[in-house]
Amino acid sequence: MTKYLALLQNAINELLAQKLRTFLTMLGMIFGVGSVIAMLNIGEGAENEALKLIDSMGVNNIIVNAKTYEKAQLSEIREESLGLNMGDVKAAMATLPFVEGYSASKNVDIYDTYSDYNKSQAQTLGVTVSYFSNANMQLAAGRFLNQDDDNQLAQLAVLGADAARELFPGADFTPKKMLGEYVKVNHVWLQVVGILEPPAGTKNEFQGVQIGGDRYRIFVPLSVSVQKFASDILASELDSIKLNIAKGTDPVVAAKAIDNLIKLRHGGLDDYMLIIPAALLEQQKQTQQIFNIVMACVAGISLLVGGIGIMNIMLANVMERTKEIGLLRAVGATQEDIRQQFLAESFAISVLGGMLGIVFGLALSEIIGSYSGWAVSWSIPAIFLSLSICMIVGVGFGVFPAIKASKLSPIDALHSD
């Protein structure tokens, strides 16, 4: 161990004697490792963000959303179809054995929303009691809506985190202090019984599909949204249905069966849209895989260039230190000693370049994330993998110069100019 530490110390001293040349040689390694780390950090962040979004949708769910139409077109459609309604849910539960549960929601047409403290543009949504568990929502204070609330047409509300903060601004209003306060939506007063935790992630869109924005919503019982708020007579009873699929069921096959059932009930019309979260997740993984392959190729080229740079500088060192090599051989150094010395220098360059590359990669990923709005997650395995690859490339490209140096004839080396 002492011998190898001495070799490494000598190698560092040699490199420090040519600081600018050493730094320029390390640039390839710095950019290569930095690219790998930035790529993996951004990829890891994107994957985590996707998993959070899918978690809010439910990977074992099939979502059915009502389509929007112009009024004239909607009049024609209503002659054949009533649109999404609770009958569709009951039919799916009764006839499709893989459907284990559901939640449903209805958008409220709002023109005015305010509390005693502020106004808001938050969307109001009527929901079934299972909506919150299906979306994996968590409470910051209070409770969720329950079946009694729905049965009794209770004028109660659960507020998303951003909606609550807008309606009740100021540091004095903690989630607990918001409970029991009142919010007026259109002409209906609603008492606040729950405040939601901010959902994981910051995006409301996944693979081009709008998936929510629950942090800026006011949730009321579905019966209240239907019976106490005015709506277009041609509008469908429900705007969205989420059907829970049994584990082990192929979501694509399940979606096909659900599609056939609803289409049959809607007179063969496509006045709804199916969303399969599991399929979206698979699409995201494929997109991410292509991104990773492209970025890995770019990073690999950078590392290759860095390796060639190391070989160049080591070959130049061999030429410049020919007399030194001859002198070392003359005083008893073996070919193995010479090889180890030059390999130690290659190793030192690659390690130093790799460490600087790690710093560069972490900074680069944060800068990219900051300007693009992409999620970034630091990956410790990625850092170790990048540094390991860098060391392998550096030592690998240093083998040929080391062998060439060790095979120099001592007499010829001492007589060289």
Protein backbone atom coordinates (compact mmCIF):
# COMPACT_ATOMS: atom_id res chain seq x y z
CA MET A 1 0.00 0.00 0.00
CA THR A 2 2.87 2.35 0.85
CA LYS A 3 4.37 1.72 -2.58
CA TYR A 4 1.16 2.59 -4.39
CA LEU A 5 0.64 5.72 -2.31
CA ALA A 6 4.17 6.81 -3.19
CA LEU A 7 3.45 6.16 -6.88
CA LEU A 8 0.29 8.25 -6.66
CA GLN A 9 2.13 11.07 -4.88
CA ASN A 10 4.83 11.10 -7.56
CA ALA A 11 2.16 11.09 -10.25
CA ILE A 12 0.39 14.10 -8.70
CA ASN A 13 3.71 15.96 -8.43
CA GLU A 14 4.42 15.33 -12.12
CA LEU A 15 0.97 16.56 -13.11
CA LEU A 16 1.26 19.68 -10.96
CA ALA A 17 4.48 20.54 -12.75
CA GLN A 18 2.38 21.02 -15.92
CA LYS A 19 -0.82 22.49 -14.49
CA LEU A 20 -2.29 23.99 -17.68
CA ARG A 21 -1.54 20.92 -19.78
CA THR A 22 -3.02 18.66 -17.09
CA PHE A 23 -6.18 20.77 -16.83
CA LEU A 24 -6.69 20.80 -20.59
CA THR A 25 -6.23 17.04 -20.62
CA MET A 26 -8.84 16.64 -17.89
CA LEU A 27 -11.46 18.72 -19.72
CA GLY A 28 -12.68 15.72 -21.70
CA MET A 29 -13.16 13.77 -18.47
CA ILE A 30 -14.83 16.72 -16.76
CA PHE A 31 -17.35 17.18 -19.57
CA GLY A 32 -17.89 13.44 -19.96
CA VAL A 33 -18.55 12.74 -16.30
CA GLY A 34 -20.54 15.96 -15.95
CA SER A 35 -22.75 14.96 -18.88
CA VAL A 36 -23.37 11.50 -17.46
CA ILE A 37 -24.28 12.84 -14.02
CA ALA A 38 -26.50 15.62 -15.38
CA MET A 39 -28.25 13.12 -17.66
CA LEU A 40 -28.88 10.61 -14.87
CA ASN A 41 -29.96 13.27 -12.37
CA ILE A 42 -32.47 14.75 -14.81
CA GLY A 43 -33.63 11.26 -15.81
CA GLU A 44 -34.05 10.26 -12.18
CA GLY A 45 -35.98 13.46 -11.49
CA ALA A 46 -38.26 12.88 -14.48
CA GLU A 47 -38.94 9.31 -13.39
CA ASN A 48 -39.74 10.36 -9.82
CA GLU A 49 -42.04 13.10 -11.10
CA ALA A 50 -43.80 10.63 -13.38
CA LEU A 51 -44.29 8.17 -10.53
CA LYS A 52 -45.77 10.92 -8.35
CA LEU A 53 -48.18 11.95 -11.10
CA ILE A 54 -49.15 8.37 -11.84
CA ASP A 55 -49.67 7.81 -8.12
CA SER A 56 -52.23 10.64 -8.09
CA MET A 57 -54.02 9.03 -11.05
CA GLY A 58 -53.72 5.47 -9.76
CA VAL A 59 -51.80 3.00 -11.88
CA ASN A 60 -54.60 0.43 -11.45
CA ASN A 61 -57.32 2.85 -12.55
CA ILE A 62 -59.08 3.56 -15.83
CA ILE A 63 -60.22 7.18 -16.17
CA VAL A 64 -63.22 8.14 -18.31
CA ASN A 65 -63.57 11.85 -19.07
CA ALA A 66 -66.48 13.53 -20.82
CA LYS A 67 -65.60 15.38 -24.02
CA THR A 68 -66.55 19.00 -24.52
CA TYR A 69 -68.57 20.18 -27.52
CA GLU A 70 -70.11 23.32 -28.92
CA LYS A 71 -73.76 23.75 -27.89
CA ALA A 72 -75.19 23.00 -31.35
CA GLN A 73 -73.19 19.80 -31.64
CA LEU A 74 -74.01 18.84 -28.06
CA SER A 75 -77.75 19.09 -28.83
CA GLU A 76 -77.37 16.49 -31.58
CA ILE A 77 -75.31 14.21 -29.34
CA ARG A 78 -77.87 14.34 -26.54
CA GLU A 79 -80.47 12.83 -28.88
CA GLU A 80 -78.44 9.60 -28.71
CA SER A 81 -76.48 9.86 -25.46
CA LEU A 82 -77.00 11.36 -22.01
CA GLY A 83 -73.26 11.66 -21.52
CA LEU A 84 -71.34 10.28 -18.58
CA ASN A 85 -73.63 9.45 -15.66
CA MET A 86 -73.91 7.28 -12.58
CA GLY A 87 -75.71 4.69 -14.69
CA ASP A 88 -72.42 4.06 -16.51
CA VAL A 89 -70.70 3.50 -13.17
CA LYS A 90 -73.37 1.11 -11.91
CA ALA A 91 -73.33 -0.83 -15.18
CA ALA A 92 -69.54 -1.23 -15.00
CA MET A 93 -69.69 -2.35 -11.37
CA ALA A 94 -72.48 -4.83 -12.13
CA THR A 95 -71.17 -6.38 -15.36
CA LEU A 96 -67.37 -6.13 -15.27
CA PRO A 97 -65.92 -8.39 -12.55
CA PHE A 98 -62.49 -6.68 -12.61
CA VAL A 99 -63.98 -3.28 -11.60
CA GLU A 100 -63.60 -3.12 -7.80
CA GLY A 101 -64.53 0.48 -7.05
CA TYR A 102 -64.98 3.95 -8.48
CA SER A 103 -64.95 7.66 -7.89
CA ALA A 104 -66.70 10.37 -9.87
CA SER A 105 -66.60 14.14 -10.18
CA LYS A 106 -68.59 17.02 -11.63
CA ASN A 107 -67.25 20.49 -12.45
CA VAL A 108 -69.26 23.41 -11.10
CA ASP A 109 -69.76 26.42 -13.37
CA ILE A 110 -68.65 29.29 -11.16
CA TYR A 111 -68.87 33.06 -11.54
CA ASP A 112 -67.86 34.15 -8.04
CA THR A 113 -65.83 32.57 -5.24
CA TYR A 114 -64.78 34.36 -2.09
CA SER A 115 -64.41 34.25 1.68
CA ASP A 116 -64.64 37.08 4.19
CA TYR A 117 -60.94 37.70 3.55
CA ASN A 118 -60.28 37.34 -0.18
CA LYS A 119 -61.57 36.29 -3.59
CA SER A 120 -60.37 33.30 -5.60
CA GLN A 121 -60.50 31.81 -9.08
CA ALA A 122 -60.26 28.25 -7.73
CA GLN A 123 -62.27 25.58 -9.52
CA THR A 124 -65.10 23.92 -7.58
CA LEU A 125 -65.56 20.20 -8.00
CA GLY A 126 -68.35 17.94 -6.79
CA VAL A 127 -66.93 14.54 -5.85
CA THR A 128 -67.92 11.17 -4.47
CA VAL A 129 -66.47 10.26 -1.08
CA SER A 130 -63.97 7.85 -2.67
CA TYR A 131 -62.41 10.59 -4.81
CA PHE A 132 -59.85 11.54 -2.17
CA SER A 133 -58.54 8.03 -1.56
CA ASN A 134 -58.41 7.29 -5.30
CA ALA A 135 -56.22 10.36 -5.81
CA ASN A 136 -54.05 9.46 -2.78
CA MET A 137 -54.77 12.80 -1.14
CA GLN A 138 -53.60 13.63 2.37
CA LEU A 139 -55.12 16.01 4.89
CA ALA A 140 -53.28 18.92 6.48
CA ALA A 141 -56.21 19.49 8.84
CA GLY A 142 -59.83 18.46 9.34
CA ARG A 143 -61.54 15.61 7.52
CA PHE A 144 -62.64 14.41 4.12
CA LEU A 145 -66.23 14.46 2.93
CA ASN A 146 -68.24 11.36 3.83
CA GLN A 147 -71.35 9.57 2.62
CA ASP A 148 -73.62 11.28 5.16
CA ASP A 149 -72.53 14.64 3.75
CA ASP A 150 -73.55 13.51 0.28
CA ASN A 151 -76.86 12.00 1.43
CA GLN A 152 -77.84 15.09 3.41
CA LEU A 153 -76.78 17.64 0.76
CA ALA A 154 -74.45 19.12 3.36
CA GLN A 155 -72.98 22.46 2.25
CA LEU A 156 -69.42 21.56 3.22
CA ALA A 157 -66.10 21.98 1.46
CA VAL A 158 -62.58 20.57 1.48
CA LEU A 159 -60.00 23.03 0.15
CA GLY A 160 -56.89 22.32 -1.88
CA ALA A 161 -53.69 23.81 -0.43
CA ASP A 162 -53.41 26.73 -2.86
CA ALA A 163 -57.11 27.51 -2.83
CA ALA A 164 -57.06 27.61 0.97
CA ARG A 165 -54.05 29.92 1.06
CA GLU A 166 -55.69 32.29 -1.44
CA LEU A 167 -59.05 32.40 0.33
CA PHE A 168 -57.49 32.75 3.78
CA PRO A 169 -54.25 34.70 3.31
CA GLY A 170 -51.82 35.65 6.04
CA ALA A 171 -49.60 33.82 8.47
CA ASP A 172 -52.32 33.81 11.13
CA PHE A 173 -54.41 31.37 9.08
CA THR A 174 -52.95 27.92 9.67
CA PRO A 175 -54.86 24.95 8.17
CA LYS A 176 -56.45 24.25 11.55
CA LYS A 177 -57.66 27.85 11.90
CA MET A 178 -59.31 27.66 8.47
CA LEU A 179 -61.62 24.88 9.67
CA GLY A 180 -65.13 26.13 10.37
CA GLU A 181 -64.70 29.22 8.19
CA TYR A 182 -67.09 29.83 5.30
CA VAL A 183 -66.56 30.13 1.56
CA LYS A 184 -69.20 31.35 -0.86
CA VAL A 185 -69.26 29.78 -4.34
CA ASN A 186 -71.79 31.54 -6.57
CA HIS A 187 -74.82 31.83 -4.25
CA VAL A 188 -74.00 28.86 -1.99
CA TRP A 189 -72.21 29.20 1.36
CA LEU A 190 -69.94 26.28 2.21
CA GLN A 191 -68.37 25.51 5.56
CA VAL A 192 -64.73 24.38 5.45
CA VAL A 193 -64.23 20.95 7.06
CA GLY A 194 -60.87 19.94 5.58
CA ILE A 195 -57.63 21.32 4.16
CA LEU A 196 -55.51 19.17 1.85
CA GLU A 197 -51.76 18.75 1.91
CA PRO A 198 -50.05 20.03 -1.27
CA PRO A 199 -49.84 17.11 -3.70
CA ALA A 200 -46.46 15.64 -4.64
CA GLY A 201 -44.94 17.10 -7.79
CA THR A 202 -45.56 20.44 -9.44
CA LYS A 203 -47.06 19.48 -12.81
CA ASN A 204 -50.71 19.09 -13.75
CA GLU A 205 -50.03 17.42 -17.08
CA PHE A 206 -48.55 14.01 -17.90
CA GLN A 207 -47.82 12.78 -21.43
CA GLY A 208 -50.10 15.53 -22.79
CA VAL A 209 -53.00 14.58 -20.49
CA GLN A 210 -54.39 17.04 -17.94
CA ILE A 211 -54.54 15.18 -14.66
CA GLY A 212 -55.74 17.67 -12.11
CA GLY A 213 -54.47 20.63 -10.27
CA ASP A 214 -56.15 19.56 -7.04
CA ARG A 215 -54.10 22.06 -5.03
CA TYR A 216 -56.25 24.85 -6.54
CA ARG A 217 -59.69 23.30 -6.11
CA ILE A 218 -62.67 23.44 -3.76
CA PHE A 219 -64.29 20.04 -3.21
CA VAL A 220 -67.98 19.67 -2.35
CA PRO A 221 -70.27 16.60 -2.14
CA LEU A 222 -71.35 15.40 -5.58
CA SER A 223 -75.03 15.73 -4.68
CA VAL A 224 -74.48 19.40 -3.77
CA SER A 225 -72.78 20.15 -7.10
CA VAL A 226 -75.65 18.55 -9.00
CA GLN A 227 -78.64 19.89 -7.03
CA LYS A 228 -77.55 23.23 -5.59
CA PHE A 229 -75.54 24.70 -8.46
CA ALA A 230 -77.01 25.64 -11.81
CA SER A 231 -75.63 23.91 -14.89
CA ASP A 232 -76.34 23.63 -18.60
CA ILE A 233 -79.34 21.39 -19.16
CA LEU A 234 -77.40 19.57 -21.87
CA ALA A 235 -74.35 18.94 -19.70
CA SER A 236 -73.60 15.39 -18.67
CA GLU A 237 -74.31 14.32 -15.09
CA LEU A 238 -70.61 13.59 -14.51
CA ASP A 239 -67.46 15.04 -16.02
CA SER A 240 -65.08 12.29 -14.95
CA ILE A 241 -65.20 8.71 -13.71
CA LYS A 242 -62.30 6.77 -12.24
CA LEU A 243 -62.76 2.99 -12.17
CA ASN A 244 -60.55 0.89 -9.89
CA ILE A 245 -59.23 -2.20 -11.68
CA ALA A 246 -58.31 -5.39 -9.83
CA LYS A 247 -54.58 -6.07 -9.54
CA GLY A 248 -53.30 -8.49 -12.13
CA THR A 249 -55.78 -7.29 -14.74
CA ASP A 250 -54.29 -6.09 -18.02
CA PRO A 251 -55.25 -2.38 -18.07
CA VAL A 252 -55.41 -2.28 -21.87
CA VAL A 253 -57.83 -5.23 -21.99
CA ALA A 254 -59.85 -3.72 -19.14
CA ALA A 255 -60.04 -0.38 -20.95
CA LYS A 256 -61.30 -2.12 -24.09
CA ALA A 257 -64.10 -3.81 -22.15
CA ILE A 258 -65.05 -0.54 -20.42
CA ASP A 259 -65.00 1.26 -23.76
CA ASN A 260 -67.34 -1.30 -25.32
CA LEU A 261 -69.76 -1.08 -22.38
CA ILE A 262 -69.94 2.72 -22.27
CA LYS A 263 -70.15 3.02 -26.05
CA LEU A 264 -73.10 0.61 -26.02
CA ARG A 265 -74.84 2.72 -23.36
CA HIS A 266 -74.09 5.94 -25.28
CA GLY A 267 -75.66 4.83 -28.54
CA GLY A 268 -72.32 4.06 -30.17
CA LEU A 269 -71.10 7.65 -29.76
CA ASP A 270 -67.56 8.57 -28.71
CA ASP A 271 -68.59 11.42 -26.40
CA TYR A 272 -66.00 10.44 -23.80
CA MET A 273 -62.25 9.81 -23.60
CA LEU A 274 -60.45 6.91 -21.92
CA ILE A 275 -57.16 7.44 -20.11
CA ILE A 276 -55.02 4.48 -19.05
CA PRO A 277 -52.44 5.61 -16.46
CA ALA A 278 -50.46 2.37 -16.77
CA ALA A 279 -50.12 2.92 -20.53
CA LEU A 280 -49.04 6.53 -19.95
CA LEU A 281 -46.39 5.30 -17.51
CA GLU A 282 -45.07 2.82 -20.05
CA GLN A 283 -44.97 5.55 -22.69
CA GLN A 284 -43.06 7.78 -20.27
CA LYS A 285 -40.54 5.00 -19.63
CA GLN A 286 -39.97 4.50 -23.35
CA THR A 287 -39.49 8.23 -23.89
CA GLN A 288 -37.09 8.39 -20.95
CA GLN A 289 -35.17 5.39 -22.27
CA ILE A 290 -34.64 7.07 -25.65
CA PHE A 291 -33.50 10.25 -23.87
CA ASN A 292 -31.06 8.24 -21.74
CA ILE A 293 -29.61 6.43 -24.76
CA VAL A 294 -29.04 9.67 -26.66
CA MET A 295 -27.46 11.38 -23.67
CA ALA A 296 -25.35 8.31 -22.88
CA CYS A 297 -23.96 8.41 -26.43
CA VAL A 298 -23.08 12.10 -26.04
CA ALA A 299 -21.45 11.45 -22.67
CA GLY A 300 -19.63 8.42 -24.04
CA ILE A 301 -18.16 10.48 -26.87
CA SER A 302 -16.97 13.06 -24.35
CA LEU A 303 -15.30 10.36 -22.27
CA LEU A 304 -13.73 8.87 -25.40
CA VAL A 305 -12.32 12.27 -26.33
CA GLY A 306 -11.07 12.62 -22.77
CA GLY A 307 -9.40 9.21 -22.97
CA ILE A 308 -7.68 10.13 -26.23
CA GLY A 309 -6.51 13.34 -24.57
CA ILE A 310 -4.99 11.33 -21.74
CA MET A 311 -3.22 9.06 -24.22
CA ASN A 312 -1.84 12.10 -26.07
CA ILE A 313 -0.50 13.78 -22.95
CA MET A 314 1.02 10.54 -21.68
CA LEU A 315 2.72 9.89 -25.02
CA ALA A 316 4.05 13.45 -24.91
CA ASN A 317 5.31 12.80 -21.39
CA VAL A 318 7.10 9.70 -22.55
CA MET A 319 8.89 11.70 -25.28
CA GLU A 320 9.78 14.53 -22.92
CA ARG A 321 10.99 12.27 -20.12
CA THR A 322 12.96 9.80 -22.18
CA LYS A 323 16.24 10.62 -20.38
CA GLU A 324 14.49 10.41 -17.02
CA ILE A 325 13.19 6.98 -17.93
CA GLY A 326 16.66 5.90 -19.03
CA LEU A 327 18.16 7.16 -15.78
CA LEU A 328 15.54 5.33 -13.70
CA ARG A 329 16.25 2.13 -15.59
CA ALA A 330 19.99 2.62 -15.15
CA VAL A 331 19.69 2.88 -11.36
CA GLY A 332 17.61 -0.28 -11.11
CA ALA A 333 13.99 0.57 -11.96
CA THR A 334 12.26 -2.36 -13.70
CA GLN A 335 9.90 -2.20 -16.64
CA GLU A 336 7.07 -2.90 -14.21
CA ASP A 337 8.08 0.14 -12.12
CA ILE A 338 7.98 2.38 -15.21
CA ARG A 339 4.61 0.99 -16.29
CA GLN A 340 3.15 1.53 -12.84
CA GLN A 341 4.45 5.10 -12.67
CA PHE A 342 2.82 6.12 -15.96
CA LEU A 343 -0.38 4.23 -15.15
CA ALA A 344 -0.48 6.07 -11.81
CA GLU A 345 -0.33 9.37 -13.69
CA SER A 346 -3.17 8.29 -16.00
CA PHE A 347 -5.16 7.18 -12.96
CA ALA A 348 -4.54 10.49 -11.19
CA ILE A 349 -5.68 12.50 -14.22
CA SER A 350 -8.86 10.44 -14.56
CA VAL A 351 -9.70 10.64 -10.84
CA LEU A 352 -9.11 14.39 -10.63
CA GLY A 353 -11.04 14.91 -13.87
CA GLY A 354 -13.83 12.68 -12.60
CA MET A 355 -14.13 14.55 -9.30
CA LEU A 356 -14.25 17.91 -11.06
CA GLY A 357 -16.75 16.37 -13.48
CA ILE A 358 -18.98 15.38 -10.56
CA VAL A 359 -19.06 18.96 -9.32
CA PHE A 360 -19.70 20.20 -12.87
CA GLY A 361 -22.45 17.62 -13.44
CA LEU A 362 -24.29 18.44 -10.22
CA ALA A 363 -24.12 22.15 -10.99
CA LEU A 364 -25.19 21.59 -14.61
CA SER A 365 -28.20 19.48 -13.64
CA GLU A 366 -29.36 22.11 -11.14
CA ILE A 367 -28.95 24.90 -13.71
CA ILE A 368 -30.86 22.93 -16.35
CA GLY A 369 -33.59 22.09 -13.84
CA SER A 370 -33.85 25.71 -12.73
CA TYR A 371 -34.21 27.14 -16.24
CA SER A 372 -36.36 24.37 -17.73
CA GLY A 373 -38.57 23.63 -14.75
CA TRP A 374 -37.61 19.94 -14.90
CA ALA A 375 -37.40 17.94 -11.70
CA VAL A 376 -33.86 16.94 -10.69
CA SER A 377 -32.94 14.17 -8.25
CA TRP A 378 -29.40 13.43 -7.17
CA SER A 379 -28.42 9.83 -7.76
CA ILE A 380 -25.55 8.55 -5.58
CA PRO A 381 -25.18 5.34 -7.67
CA ALA A 382 -24.94 7.53 -10.79
CA ILE A 383 -22.06 9.49 -9.25
CA PHE A 384 -20.13 6.34 -8.38
CA LEU A 385 -20.88 4.81 -11.78
CA SER A 386 -19.67 7.90 -13.62
CA LEU A 387 -16.46 8.11 -11.59
CA SER A 388 -15.81 4.38 -12.07
CA ILE A 389 -16.26 4.62 -15.85
CA CYS A 390 -14.00 7.66 -15.91
CA MET A 391 -11.25 5.80 -14.04
CA ILE A 392 -11.55 2.78 -16.32
CA VAL A 393 -11.34 4.94 -19.44
CA GLY A 394 -8.41 6.95 -18.07
CA VAL A 395 -6.37 3.92 -17.07
CA GLY A 396 -7.34 2.06 -20.24
CA PHE A 397 -6.04 4.83 -22.49
CA GLY A 398 -2.93 5.14 -20.34
CA VAL A 399 -1.88 1.51 -20.85
CA PHE A 400 -0.28 1.99 -24.28
CA PRO A 401 1.91 4.98 -23.26
CA ALA A 402 2.92 3.13 -20.09
CA ILE A 403 3.96 0.05 -22.04
CA LYS A 404 5.82 2.18 -24.57
CA ALA A 405 7.70 3.94 -21.77
CA SER A 406 8.62 0.67 -20.05
CA LYS A 407 10.05 -0.82 -23.25
CA LEU A 408 12.48 2.02 -23.92
CA SER A 409 16.08 0.86 -24.00
CA PRO A 410 17.99 2.44 -21.09
CA ILE A 411 21.08 3.12 -23.27
CA ASP A 412 19.08 4.65 -26.12
CA ALA A 413 17.05 6.70 -23.62
CA LEU A 414 20.15 8.14 -21.97
CA HIS A 415 21.66 9.07 -25.34
CA SER A 416 18.48 10.71 -26.66
CA ASP A 417 18.31 14.46 -27.26
